Each structure stands twice: as C-alpha cells, then as structure tokens.
N, C-alpha and C. Protein backbone atom coordinates (compact mmCIF):
# COMPACT_ATOMS: atom_id res chain seq x y z
N UNK A 1 140.30 88.42 81.39
CA UNK A 1 139.17 88.40 82.30
C UNK A 1 139.52 87.52 83.50
N UNK A 2 139.68 88.15 84.64
CA UNK A 2 140.08 87.44 85.85
C UNK A 2 138.84 87.20 86.71
N UNK A 3 138.57 85.93 87.04
CA UNK A 3 137.39 85.61 87.83
C UNK A 3 137.73 85.36 89.29
N UNK A 4 138.99 85.55 89.65
CA UNK A 4 139.40 85.30 91.04
C UNK A 4 138.64 86.17 92.04
N UNK A 5 138.42 87.46 91.78
CA UNK A 5 137.65 88.26 92.75
C UNK A 5 136.20 87.78 92.88
N UNK A 6 135.61 87.36 91.77
CA UNK A 6 134.24 86.85 91.82
C UNK A 6 134.17 85.54 92.60
N UNK A 7 135.17 84.68 92.42
CA UNK A 7 135.21 83.42 93.18
C UNK A 7 135.39 83.69 94.67
N UNK A 8 136.24 84.65 95.00
CA UNK A 8 136.44 84.98 96.41
C UNK A 8 135.16 85.53 97.04
N UNK A 9 134.44 86.37 96.28
CA UNK A 9 133.17 86.91 96.78
C UNK A 9 132.14 85.80 96.95
N UNK A 10 132.07 84.87 96.02
CA UNK A 10 131.13 83.75 96.13
C UNK A 10 131.46 82.87 97.32
N UNK A 11 132.73 82.60 97.53
CA UNK A 11 133.13 81.79 98.69
C UNK A 11 132.79 82.49 100.00
N UNK A 12 133.00 83.81 100.02
CA UNK A 12 132.69 84.59 101.22
C UNK A 12 131.19 84.53 101.52
N UNK A 13 130.37 84.65 100.49
CA UNK A 13 128.92 84.60 100.68
C UNK A 13 128.46 83.20 101.10
N UNK A 14 129.05 82.17 100.51
CA UNK A 14 128.67 80.80 100.85
C UNK A 14 129.10 80.41 102.25
N UNK A 15 130.19 81.00 102.73
CA UNK A 15 130.66 80.69 104.08
C UNK A 15 129.83 81.38 105.15
N UNK A 16 128.89 82.24 104.77
CA UNK A 16 128.04 82.91 105.74
C UNK A 16 128.63 84.20 106.27
N UNK A 17 129.64 84.72 105.62
CA UNK A 17 130.25 85.96 106.07
C UNK A 17 129.68 87.17 105.35
N UNK A 18 128.64 86.95 104.54
CA UNK A 18 128.02 88.05 103.80
C UNK A 18 127.06 88.81 104.68
N UNK A 19 126.36 89.71 104.07
CA UNK A 19 125.38 90.51 104.80
C UNK A 19 124.13 89.69 105.06
N UNK A 20 123.28 90.16 105.94
CA UNK A 20 122.05 89.46 106.28
C UNK A 20 120.91 89.81 105.34
N UNK A 21 121.10 90.74 104.43
CA UNK A 21 120.02 91.16 103.53
C UNK A 21 119.52 90.02 102.64
N UNK A 22 120.37 89.20 102.03
CA UNK A 22 119.84 88.10 101.22
C UNK A 22 119.02 87.11 102.05
N UNK A 23 119.39 86.89 103.29
CA UNK A 23 118.65 85.97 104.14
C UNK A 23 117.26 86.52 104.43
N UNK A 24 117.16 87.83 104.68
CA UNK A 24 115.85 88.45 104.92
C UNK A 24 115.00 88.40 103.67
N UNK A 25 115.62 88.58 102.53
CA UNK A 25 114.88 88.50 101.27
C UNK A 25 114.38 87.08 101.04
N UNK A 26 115.18 86.09 101.40
CA UNK A 26 114.77 84.70 101.22
C UNK A 26 113.60 84.37 102.13
N UNK A 27 113.63 84.84 103.36
CA UNK A 27 112.53 84.59 104.29
C UNK A 27 111.26 85.28 103.80
N UNK A 28 111.41 86.48 103.30
CA UNK A 28 110.25 87.19 102.75
C UNK A 28 109.67 86.47 101.54
N UNK A 29 110.55 85.94 100.69
CA UNK A 29 110.07 85.21 99.52
C UNK A 29 109.35 83.93 99.94
N UNK A 30 109.88 83.24 100.94
CA UNK A 30 109.21 82.02 101.42
C UNK A 30 107.85 82.34 102.05
N UNK A 31 107.77 83.43 102.76
CA UNK A 31 106.49 83.83 103.36
C UNK A 31 105.48 84.17 102.28
N UNK A 32 105.92 84.85 101.25
CA UNK A 32 105.02 85.19 100.14
C UNK A 32 104.54 83.94 99.42
N UNK A 33 105.43 82.99 99.22
CA UNK A 33 105.03 81.74 98.56
C UNK A 33 104.06 80.95 99.42
N UNK A 34 104.25 80.96 100.73
CA UNK A 34 103.32 80.26 101.62
C UNK A 34 101.94 80.91 101.58
N UNK A 35 101.91 82.24 101.53
CA UNK A 35 100.64 82.95 101.43
C UNK A 35 99.94 82.63 100.12
N UNK A 36 100.69 82.59 99.03
CA UNK A 36 100.11 82.26 97.74
C UNK A 36 99.60 80.82 97.71
N UNK A 37 100.32 79.90 98.32
CA UNK A 37 99.88 78.51 98.36
C UNK A 37 98.59 78.37 99.17
N UNK A 38 98.50 79.07 100.29
CA UNK A 38 97.29 79.02 101.10
C UNK A 38 96.11 79.60 100.34
N UNK A 39 96.32 80.69 99.63
CA UNK A 39 95.25 81.29 98.84
C UNK A 39 94.81 80.36 97.72
N UNK A 40 95.75 79.67 97.09
CA UNK A 40 95.41 78.75 96.02
C UNK A 40 94.58 77.58 96.54
N UNK A 41 94.92 77.09 97.71
CA UNK A 41 94.16 75.98 98.30
C UNK A 41 92.74 76.43 98.65
N UNK A 42 92.61 77.62 99.22
CA UNK A 42 91.29 78.14 99.56
C UNK A 42 90.45 78.38 98.31
N UNK A 43 91.06 78.91 97.26
CA UNK A 43 90.32 79.15 96.03
C UNK A 43 89.92 77.84 95.37
N UNK A 44 90.77 76.82 95.44
CA UNK A 44 90.43 75.52 94.87
C UNK A 44 89.24 74.92 95.62
N UNK A 45 89.20 75.09 96.92
CA UNK A 45 88.07 74.59 97.70
C UNK A 45 86.80 75.32 97.34
N UNK A 46 86.88 76.59 97.07
CA UNK A 46 85.69 77.36 96.68
C UNK A 46 85.19 76.92 95.32
N UNK A 47 86.09 76.57 94.42
CA UNK A 47 85.69 76.12 93.09
C UNK A 47 85.06 74.75 93.16
N UNK A 48 85.60 73.86 93.97
CA UNK A 48 85.06 72.50 94.09
C UNK A 48 83.68 72.53 94.73
N UNK A 49 83.53 73.30 95.82
CA UNK A 49 82.25 73.35 96.50
C UNK A 49 81.24 74.19 95.73
N UNK A 50 81.66 75.29 95.19
CA UNK A 50 80.77 76.14 94.42
C UNK A 50 79.83 76.93 95.32
N UNK A 51 79.13 77.90 94.74
CA UNK A 51 78.27 78.75 95.54
C UNK A 51 76.94 78.10 95.95
N UNK A 52 76.46 77.08 95.22
CA UNK A 52 75.15 76.52 95.52
C UNK A 52 75.18 75.18 96.22
N UNK A 53 76.33 74.75 96.70
CA UNK A 53 76.44 73.44 97.34
C UNK A 53 76.00 73.54 98.78
N UNK A 54 75.17 72.59 99.20
CA UNK A 54 74.73 72.52 100.59
C UNK A 54 75.31 71.26 101.22
N UNK A 55 75.96 71.41 102.34
CA UNK A 55 76.53 70.28 103.06
C UNK A 55 75.53 69.85 104.12
N UNK A 56 75.08 68.58 104.03
CA UNK A 56 74.08 68.08 104.97
C UNK A 56 74.75 67.42 106.16
N UNK A 57 74.07 67.43 107.28
CA UNK A 57 74.58 66.80 108.49
C UNK A 57 74.38 65.30 108.38
N UNK A 58 75.46 64.48 108.50
CA UNK A 58 75.32 63.03 108.37
C UNK A 58 74.46 62.42 109.49
N UNK A 59 74.43 63.02 110.67
CA UNK A 59 73.62 62.47 111.76
C UNK A 59 72.14 62.64 111.44
N UNK A 60 71.78 63.73 110.80
CA UNK A 60 70.38 63.96 110.46
C UNK A 60 69.90 62.96 109.41
N UNK A 61 70.72 62.64 108.43
CA UNK A 61 70.31 61.67 107.40
C UNK A 61 70.28 60.26 107.97
N UNK A 62 71.13 59.97 108.94
CA UNK A 62 71.15 58.63 109.53
C UNK A 62 69.88 58.40 110.35
N UNK A 63 69.35 59.41 111.01
CA UNK A 63 68.16 59.23 111.80
C UNK A 63 66.91 59.06 110.93
N UNK A 64 66.93 59.63 109.73
CA UNK A 64 65.80 59.49 108.83
C UNK A 64 65.75 58.08 108.24
N UNK A 65 66.93 57.51 107.94
CA UNK A 65 66.99 56.18 107.32
C UNK A 65 66.61 55.11 108.31
N UNK A 66 67.01 55.18 109.54
CA UNK A 66 66.78 54.11 110.50
C UNK A 66 65.49 54.24 111.25
C-alpha cells in the first residue's frame, strides 16, 4: 500500500493549487451556520420574552413615581 500519491494530493490541496469547489463549499457551510446561529438567538429571545410579556416604557413609569 503506497501512500505517496495520497500525500502528493494532500500537499497540492494544502498549497492552494486545488480546485475552488471546496472553498465555495466552506463559504456555503459558514453562511448556513451563521443563519442557524441567528435563528437560534431569535428563538431564544422569543422563549425568554414569551407571548404574554409586555414591555413598559421606563419614562412613563418614572413620571408616575415622581
């Protein structure tokens, strides 16, 4: 079992002489992960706030107290 051709191919890919397809796939994967992270953050905010939470204006409560 000779691994010399596999090593040569790996060196060629690491040196940047390979095709651009893996780079496009990596960018697509990063974009998908960013979209998933944004969706997770938005869903976490919806869970924390919940459907019945009302956010009051702090200026309105300050005028009532003083």
